[in-house]
């Protein structure tokens, strides 16, 4: 084999060896469990689980008297906010990095889901969705994720109407913390000792 070909093969082998550890310790996403009557229960890995809420903003703008007797009109804006957290009604945020698991239950005949959060240290708290940020607004808070290439949304509160129904597929569990997702610590090699003695 020509020297150039041998050198290229050696370089390719070196690059393969250096790439394997990074691939083996690639970041893992949360495991979400979805339930539906058609597909039953299934568990999948996702990489963009987020909490979405809406803030209602009222803007007062000038308007001609022919349009409004008060000379102004009110524009309603629904601003969507997303975060890798669970945001509470008092503006506090529970980072998903602190969470081990999230469980969501949907009371039969009810319109407000219950969100149970288990921290990594074992602490457990349960919140009705109305206690989450945006829970008293026109658009309910929700979890979002891309599942099998499709962006899905899982609302936590139903509108107060007779026709309102939970989505066909519901999010019931998300395992956020998965042991073994972090790469092993880098081992430092001790420096070689040098013989500083001098010979006569």
C-alpha atoms as a PDB file:
ATOM      1  CA  UNK A   1       0.000   0.000   0.000  1.00  0.00           C
ATOM      2  CA  UNK A   2       1.266   3.468  -0.860  1.00  0.00           C
ATOM      3  CA  UNK A   3       2.452   5.597   2.098  1.00  0.00           C
ATOM      4  CA  UNK A   4      -0.239   8.227   1.380  1.00  0.00           C
ATOM      5  CA  UNK A   5      -3.022   5.614   1.445  1.00  0.00           C
ATOM      6  CA  UNK A   6      -1.764   4.141   4.699  1.00  0.00           C
ATOM      7  CA  UNK A   7      -1.644   7.591   6.278  1.00  0.00           C
ATOM      8  CA  UNK A   8      -5.231   8.318   5.232  1.00  0.00           C
ATOM      9  CA  UNK A   9      -6.448   5.024   6.689  1.00  0.00           C
ATOM     10  CA  UNK A  10      -4.643   5.729   9.955  1.00  0.00           C
ATOM     11  CA  UNK A  11      -6.175   9.216  10.133  1.00  0.00           C
ATOM     12  CA  UNK A  12      -9.690   7.841   9.502  1.00  0.00           C
ATOM     13  CA  UNK A  13      -9.261   5.247  12.240  1.00  0.00           C
ATOM     14  CA  UNK A  14      -8.091   7.930  14.678  1.00  0.00           C
ATOM     15  CA  UNK A  15     -11.100  10.133  13.925  1.00  0.00           C
ATOM     16  CA  UNK A  16     -13.446   7.168  14.443  1.00  0.00           C
ATOM     17  CA  UNK A  17     -11.943   6.379  17.833  1.00  0.00           C
ATOM     18  CA  UNK A  18     -12.186   9.968  19.023  1.00  0.00           C
ATOM     19  CA  UNK A  19     -15.823  10.282  17.855  1.00  0.00           C
ATOM     20  CA  UNK A  20     -17.081   7.130  19.576  1.00  0.00           C
ATOM     21  CA  UNK A  21     -17.085   8.423  23.200  1.00  0.00           C
ATOM     22  CA  UNK A  22     -19.100  11.539  22.277  1.00  0.00           C
ATOM     23  CA  UNK A  23     -21.641   9.382  20.433  1.00  0.00           C
ATOM     24  CA  UNK A  24     -21.872   6.892  23.268  1.00  0.00           C
ATOM     25  CA  UNK A  25     -22.652   9.667  25.758  1.00  0.00           C
ATOM     26  CA  UNK A  26     -25.020  11.694  23.585  1.00  0.00           C
ATOM     27  CA  UNK A  27     -27.594  13.685  25.533  1.00  0.00           C
ATOM     28  CA  UNK A  28     -30.796  11.806  26.259  1.00  0.00           C
ATOM     29  CA  UNK A  29     -34.182  13.489  26.163  1.00  0.00           C
ATOM     30  CA  UNK A  30     -37.123  12.971  28.507  1.00  0.00           C
ATOM     31  CA  UNK A  31     -39.229   9.831  28.170  1.00  0.00           C
ATOM     32  CA  UNK A  32     -42.866  10.824  27.731  1.00  0.00           C
ATOM     33  CA  UNK A  33     -45.808   8.469  28.093  1.00  0.00           C
ATOM     34  CA  UNK A  34     -48.844   9.195  25.924  1.00  0.00           C
ATOM     35  CA  UNK A  35     -52.251   7.560  26.246  1.00  0.00           C
ATOM     36  CA  UNK A  36     -55.064   7.353  23.719  1.00  0.00           C
ATOM     37  CA  UNK A  37     -57.961   4.997  23.058  1.00  0.00           C
ATOM     38  CA  UNK A  38     -56.787   4.292  19.534  1.00  0.00           C
ATOM     39  CA  UNK A  39     -53.108   3.584  20.248  1.00  0.00           C
ATOM     40  CA  UNK A  40     -53.165   2.694  23.931  1.00  0.00           C
ATOM     41  CA  UNK A  41     -50.136   3.654  25.993  1.00  0.00           C
ATOM     42  CA  UNK A  42     -46.792   4.354  24.380  1.00  0.00           C
ATOM     43  CA  UNK A  43     -43.522   5.768  25.668  1.00  0.00           C
ATOM     44  CA  UNK A  44     -41.176   7.788  23.473  1.00  0.00           C
ATOM     45  CA  UNK A  45     -38.074   9.911  23.807  1.00  0.00           C
ATOM     46  CA  UNK A  46     -38.403  13.608  23.006  1.00  0.00           C
ATOM     47  CA  UNK A  47     -35.859  16.409  23.003  1.00  0.00           C
ATOM     48  CA  UNK A  48     -37.935  19.588  23.186  1.00  0.00           C
ATOM     49  CA  UNK A  49     -40.415  19.162  26.037  1.00  0.00           C
ATOM     50  CA  UNK A  50     -41.483  22.663  27.072  1.00  0.00           C
ATOM     51  CA  UNK A  51     -44.122  24.463  29.089  1.00  0.00           C
ATOM     52  CA  UNK A  52     -46.160  27.031  27.159  1.00  0.00           C
ATOM     53  CA  UNK A  53     -48.371  29.746  28.601  1.00  0.00           C
ATOM     54  CA  UNK A  54     -50.135  32.820  27.297  1.00  0.00           C
ATOM     55  CA  UNK A  55     -50.129  36.361  28.599  1.00  0.00           C
ATOM     56  CA  UNK A  56     -53.070  38.590  27.686  1.00  0.00           C
ATOM     57  CA  UNK A  57     -52.099  42.186  26.956  1.00  0.00           C
ATOM     58  CA  UNK A  58     -54.625  44.979  26.445  1.00  0.00           C
ATOM     59  CA  UNK A  59     -53.453  47.912  24.344  1.00  0.00           C
ATOM     60  CA  UNK A  60     -55.391  51.168  24.174  1.00  0.00           C
ATOM     61  CA  UNK A  61     -55.196  52.821  20.781  1.00  0.00           C
ATOM     62  CA  UNK A  62     -56.715  55.967  19.395  1.00  0.00           C
ATOM     63  CA  UNK A  63     -59.714  55.480  17.117  1.00  0.00           C
ATOM     64  CA  UNK A  64     -61.960  57.887  15.185  1.00  0.00           C
ATOM     65  CA  UNK A  65     -65.170  58.917  16.934  1.00  0.00           C
ATOM     66  CA  UNK A  66     -67.161  57.381  14.094  1.00  0.00           C
ATOM     67  CA  UNK A  67     -65.678  54.031  15.060  1.00  0.00           C
ATOM     68  CA  UNK A  68     -65.684  54.386  18.858  1.00  0.00           C
ATOM     69  CA  UNK A  69     -67.617  56.973  20.925  1.00  0.00           C
ATOM     70  CA  UNK A  70     -64.754  57.092  23.468  1.00  0.00           C
ATOM     71  CA  UNK A  71     -62.181  57.880  20.810  1.00  0.00           C
ATOM     72  CA  UNK A  72     -60.149  54.763  21.515  1.00  0.00           C
ATOM     73  CA  UNK A  73     -60.234  51.060  20.936  1.00  0.00           C
ATOM     74  CA  UNK A  74     -58.762  48.184  22.892  1.00  0.00           C
ATOM     75  CA  UNK A  75     -56.560  45.685  21.110  1.00  0.00           C
ATOM     76  CA  UNK A  76     -56.216  42.307  22.804  1.00  0.00           C
ATOM     77  CA  UNK A  77     -52.901  40.502  22.263  1.00  0.00           C
ATOM     78  CA  UNK A  78     -52.174  36.979  23.452  1.00  0.00           C
ATOM     79  CA  UNK A  79     -48.433  36.613  23.885  1.00  0.00           C
ATOM     80  CA  UNK A  80     -47.122  33.058  23.982  1.00  0.00           C
ATOM     81  CA  UNK A  81     -44.218  32.211  26.270  1.00  0.00           C
ATOM     82  CA  UNK A  82     -42.292  28.944  26.407  1.00  0.00           C
ATOM     83  CA  UNK A  83     -39.632  27.658  28.771  1.00  0.00           C
ATOM     84  CA  UNK A  84     -37.846  24.473  29.841  1.00  0.00           C
ATOM     85  CA  UNK A  85     -39.619  24.724  33.148  1.00  0.00           C
ATOM     86  CA  UNK A  86     -42.980  24.630  34.869  1.00  0.00           C
ATOM     87  CA  UNK A  87     -44.073  28.172  35.587  1.00  0.00           C
ATOM     88  CA  UNK A  88     -46.397  28.857  38.509  1.00  0.00           C
ATOM     89  CA  UNK A  89     -49.073  31.515  38.802  1.00  0.00           C
ATOM     90  CA  UNK A  90     -46.862  33.520  41.191  1.00  0.00           C
ATOM     91  CA  UNK A  91     -44.222  33.793  38.423  1.00  0.00           C
ATOM     92  CA  UNK A  92     -41.893  31.246  40.025  1.00  0.00           C
ATOM     93  CA  UNK A  93     -40.226  28.836  37.641  1.00  0.00           C
ATOM     94  CA  UNK A  94     -39.373  25.217  38.376  1.00  0.00           C
ATOM     95  CA  UNK A  95     -36.516  24.371  36.026  1.00  0.00           C
ATOM     96  CA  UNK A  96     -36.752  20.963  34.376  1.00  0.00           C
ATOM     97  CA  UNK A  97     -33.128  20.443  35.411  1.00  0.00           C
ATOM     98  CA  UNK A  98     -34.382  20.190  39.005  1.00  0.00           C
ATOM     99  CA  UNK A  99     -37.183  17.749  38.156  1.00  0.00           C
ATOM    100  CA  UNK A 100     -37.088  13.961  38.160  1.00  0.00           C
ATOM    101  CA  UNK A 101     -40.595  13.279  36.869  1.00  0.00           C
ATOM    102  CA  UNK A 102     -43.870  14.956  35.922  1.00  0.00           C
ATOM    103  CA  UNK A 103     -47.225  13.163  36.119  1.00  0.00           C
ATOM    104  CA  UNK A 104     -50.449  14.570  34.702  1.00  0.00           C
ATOM    105  CA  UNK A 105     -53.906  13.265  35.614  1.00  0.00           C
ATOM    106  CA  UNK A 106     -57.180  14.274  34.006  1.00  0.00           C
ATOM    107  CA  UNK A 107     -60.117  13.991  36.429  1.00  0.00           C
ATOM    108  CA  UNK A 108     -63.088  12.284  34.801  1.00  0.00           C
ATOM    109  CA  UNK A 109     -65.749  14.857  34.080  1.00  0.00           C
ATOM    110  CA  UNK A 110     -63.401  17.677  35.093  1.00  0.00           C
ATOM    111  CA  UNK A 111     -61.780  20.371  33.002  1.00  0.00           C
ATOM    112  CA  UNK A 112     -58.655  21.064  35.088  1.00  0.00           C
ATOM    113  CA  UNK A 113     -55.732  18.637  34.979  1.00  0.00           C
ATOM    114  CA  UNK A 114     -53.524  17.951  37.987  1.00  0.00           C
ATOM    115  CA  UNK A 115     -49.766  18.274  37.529  1.00  0.00           C
ATOM    116  CA  UNK A 116     -47.618  16.325  39.976  1.00  0.00           C
ATOM    117  CA  UNK A 117     -43.943  17.255  40.107  1.00  0.00           C
ATOM    118  CA  UNK A 118     -41.265  15.076  41.683  1.00  0.00           C
ATOM    119  CA  UNK A 119     -37.965  16.843  42.294  1.00  0.00           C
ATOM    120  CA  UNK A 120     -34.637  15.070  42.064  1.00  0.00           C
ATOM    121  CA  UNK A 121     -34.283  15.247  45.841  1.00  0.00           C
ATOM    122  CA  UNK A 122     -37.573  13.365  46.268  1.00  0.00           C
ATOM    123  CA  UNK A 123     -39.818  16.322  47.119  1.00  0.00           C
ATOM    124  CA  UNK A 124     -43.302  16.005  45.609  1.00  0.00           C
ATOM    125  CA  UNK A 125     -45.880  18.727  44.960  1.00  0.00           C
ATOM    126  CA  UNK A 126     -49.167  18.607  43.072  1.00  0.00           C
ATOM    127  CA  UNK A 127     -50.695  21.624  41.369  1.00  0.00           C
ATOM    128  CA  UNK A 128     -54.053  22.088  39.676  1.00  0.00           C
ATOM    129  CA  UNK A 129     -53.460  23.595  36.259  1.00  0.00           C
ATOM    130  CA  UNK A 130     -55.231  26.750  37.415  1.00  0.00           C
ATOM    131  CA  UNK A 131     -52.294  27.294  39.800  1.00  0.00           C
ATOM    132  CA  UNK A 132     -49.894  27.437  36.845  1.00  0.00           C
ATOM    133  CA  UNK A 133     -49.011  30.603  34.981  1.00  0.00           C
ATOM    134  CA  UNK A 134     -51.818  31.537  32.600  1.00  0.00           C
ATOM    135  CA  UNK A 135     -54.237  29.139  34.274  1.00  0.00           C
ATOM    136  CA  UNK A 136     -56.809  31.913  34.658  1.00  0.00           C
ATOM    137  CA  UNK A 137     -56.421  33.244  31.109  1.00  0.00           C
ATOM    138  CA  UNK A 138     -58.352  32.767  27.897  1.00  0.00           C
ATOM    139  CA  UNK A 139     -55.777  30.315  26.551  1.00  0.00           C
ATOM    140  CA  UNK A 140     -54.818  27.470  28.913  1.00  0.00           C
ATOM    141  CA  UNK A 141     -51.235  26.518  29.792  1.00  0.00           C
ATOM    142  CA  UNK A 142     -49.900  23.367  28.168  1.00  0.00           C
ATOM    143  CA  UNK A 143     -46.933  21.144  27.548  1.00  0.00           C
ATOM    144  CA  UNK A 144     -45.489  20.882  24.055  1.00  0.00           C
ATOM    145  CA  UNK A 145     -43.145  18.411  22.376  1.00  0.00           C
ATOM    146  CA  UNK A 146     -42.217  17.088  18.966  1.00  0.00           C
ATOM    147  CA  UNK A 147     -43.311  13.453  18.764  1.00  0.00           C
ATOM    148  CA  UNK A 148     -42.231  11.385  15.772  1.00  0.00           C
ATOM    149  CA  UNK A 149     -41.633  14.556  13.776  1.00  0.00           C
ATOM    150  CA  UNK A 150     -45.005  16.104  14.653  1.00  0.00           C
ATOM    151  CA  UNK A 151     -45.341  19.094  17.014  1.00  0.00           C
ATOM    152  CA  UNK A 152     -47.975  18.226  19.612  1.00  0.00           C
ATOM    153  CA  UNK A 153     -49.615  20.297  22.338  1.00  0.00           C
ATOM    154  CA  UNK A 154     -51.164  18.963  25.531  1.00  0.00           C
ATOM    155  CA  UNK A 155     -53.509  21.540  27.117  1.00  0.00           C
ATOM    156  CA  UNK A 156     -54.001  21.320  30.863  1.00  0.00           C
ATOM    157  CA  UNK A 157     -57.346  23.133  31.090  1.00  0.00           C
ATOM    158  CA  UNK A 158     -60.448  22.703  28.949  1.00  0.00           C
ATOM    159  CA  UNK A 159     -62.675  25.589  27.876  1.00  0.00           C
ATOM    160  CA  UNK A 160     -65.854  25.895  29.893  1.00  0.00           C
ATOM    161  CA  UNK A 161     -68.113  24.632  27.113  1.00  0.00           C
ATOM    162  CA  UNK A 162     -70.160  21.456  26.622  1.00  0.00           C
ATOM    163  CA  UNK A 163     -68.260  20.554  23.445  1.00  0.00           C
ATOM    164  CA  UNK A 164     -64.826  20.773  25.084  1.00  0.00           C
ATOM    165  CA  UNK A 165     -62.896  17.500  25.254  1.00  0.00           C
ATOM    166  CA  UNK A 166     -59.344  16.457  26.023  1.00  0.00           C
ATOM    167  CA  UNK A 167     -57.136  15.689  23.001  1.00  0.00           C
ATOM    168  CA  UNK A 168     -57.284  12.173  21.619  1.00  0.00           C
ATOM    169  CA  UNK A 169     -53.744  11.579  22.864  1.00  0.00           C
ATOM    170  CA  UNK A 170     -52.852  12.863  26.325  1.00  0.00           C
ATOM    171  CA  UNK A 171     -49.545  13.327  28.098  1.00  0.00           C
ATOM    172  CA  UNK A 172     -49.637  11.397  31.382  1.00  0.00           C
ATOM    173  CA  UNK A 173     -45.979  11.144  32.375  1.00  0.00           C
ATOM    174  CA  UNK A 174     -42.593  12.633  31.574  1.00  0.00           C
ATOM    175  CA  UNK A 175     -39.433  11.169  33.064  1.00  0.00           C
ATOM    176  CA  UNK A 176     -37.028  14.084  32.938  1.00  0.00           C
ATOM    177  CA  UNK A 177     -34.020  12.853  34.895  1.00  0.00           C
ATOM    178  CA  UNK A 178     -32.510   9.678  33.484  1.00  0.00           C
ATOM    179  CA  UNK A 179     -29.420   8.406  35.352  1.00  0.00           C
ATOM    180  CA  UNK A 180     -26.415   7.868  33.162  1.00  0.00           C
ATOM    181  CA  UNK A 181     -27.143  10.759  30.803  1.00  0.00           C
ATOM    182  CA  UNK A 182     -24.006  12.664  31.777  1.00  0.00           C
ATOM    183  CA  UNK A 183     -20.605  11.659  30.379  1.00  0.00           C
ATOM    184  CA  UNK A 184     -18.125  10.093  32.805  1.00  0.00           C
ATOM    185  CA  UNK A 185     -15.649  12.458  34.451  1.00  0.00           C
ATOM    186  CA  UNK A 186     -12.460  12.978  32.554  1.00  0.00           C
ATOM    187  CA  UNK A 187      -9.592  11.157  34.180  1.00  0.00           C
ATOM    188  CA  UNK A 188      -6.496  13.233  34.549  1.00  0.00           C
ATOM    189  CA  UNK A 189      -3.252  11.420  34.044  1.00  0.00           C
ATOM    190  CA  UNK A 190      -0.516  12.094  36.532  1.00  0.00           C
ATOM    191  CA  UNK A 191       2.497  13.855  35.076  1.00  0.00           C
ATOM    192  CA  UNK A 192       5.483  11.659  34.473  1.00  0.00           C
ATOM    193  CA  UNK A 193       8.243  11.962  37.017  1.00  0.00           C
ATOM    194  CA  UNK A 194      11.551  13.068  35.693  1.00  0.00           C
ATOM    195  CA  UNK A 195      14.839  11.996  37.138  1.00  0.00           C
ATOM    196  CA  UNK A 196      16.542  15.186  38.240  1.00  0.00           C
ATOM    197  CA  UNK A 197      19.594  13.422  39.666  1.00  0.00           C
ATOM    198  CA  UNK A 198      22.907  14.253  38.116  1.00  0.00           C
ATOM    199  CA  UNK A 199      25.615  11.851  37.330  1.00  0.00           C
ATOM    200  CA  UNK A 200      29.145  12.691  38.458  1.00  0.00           C
END
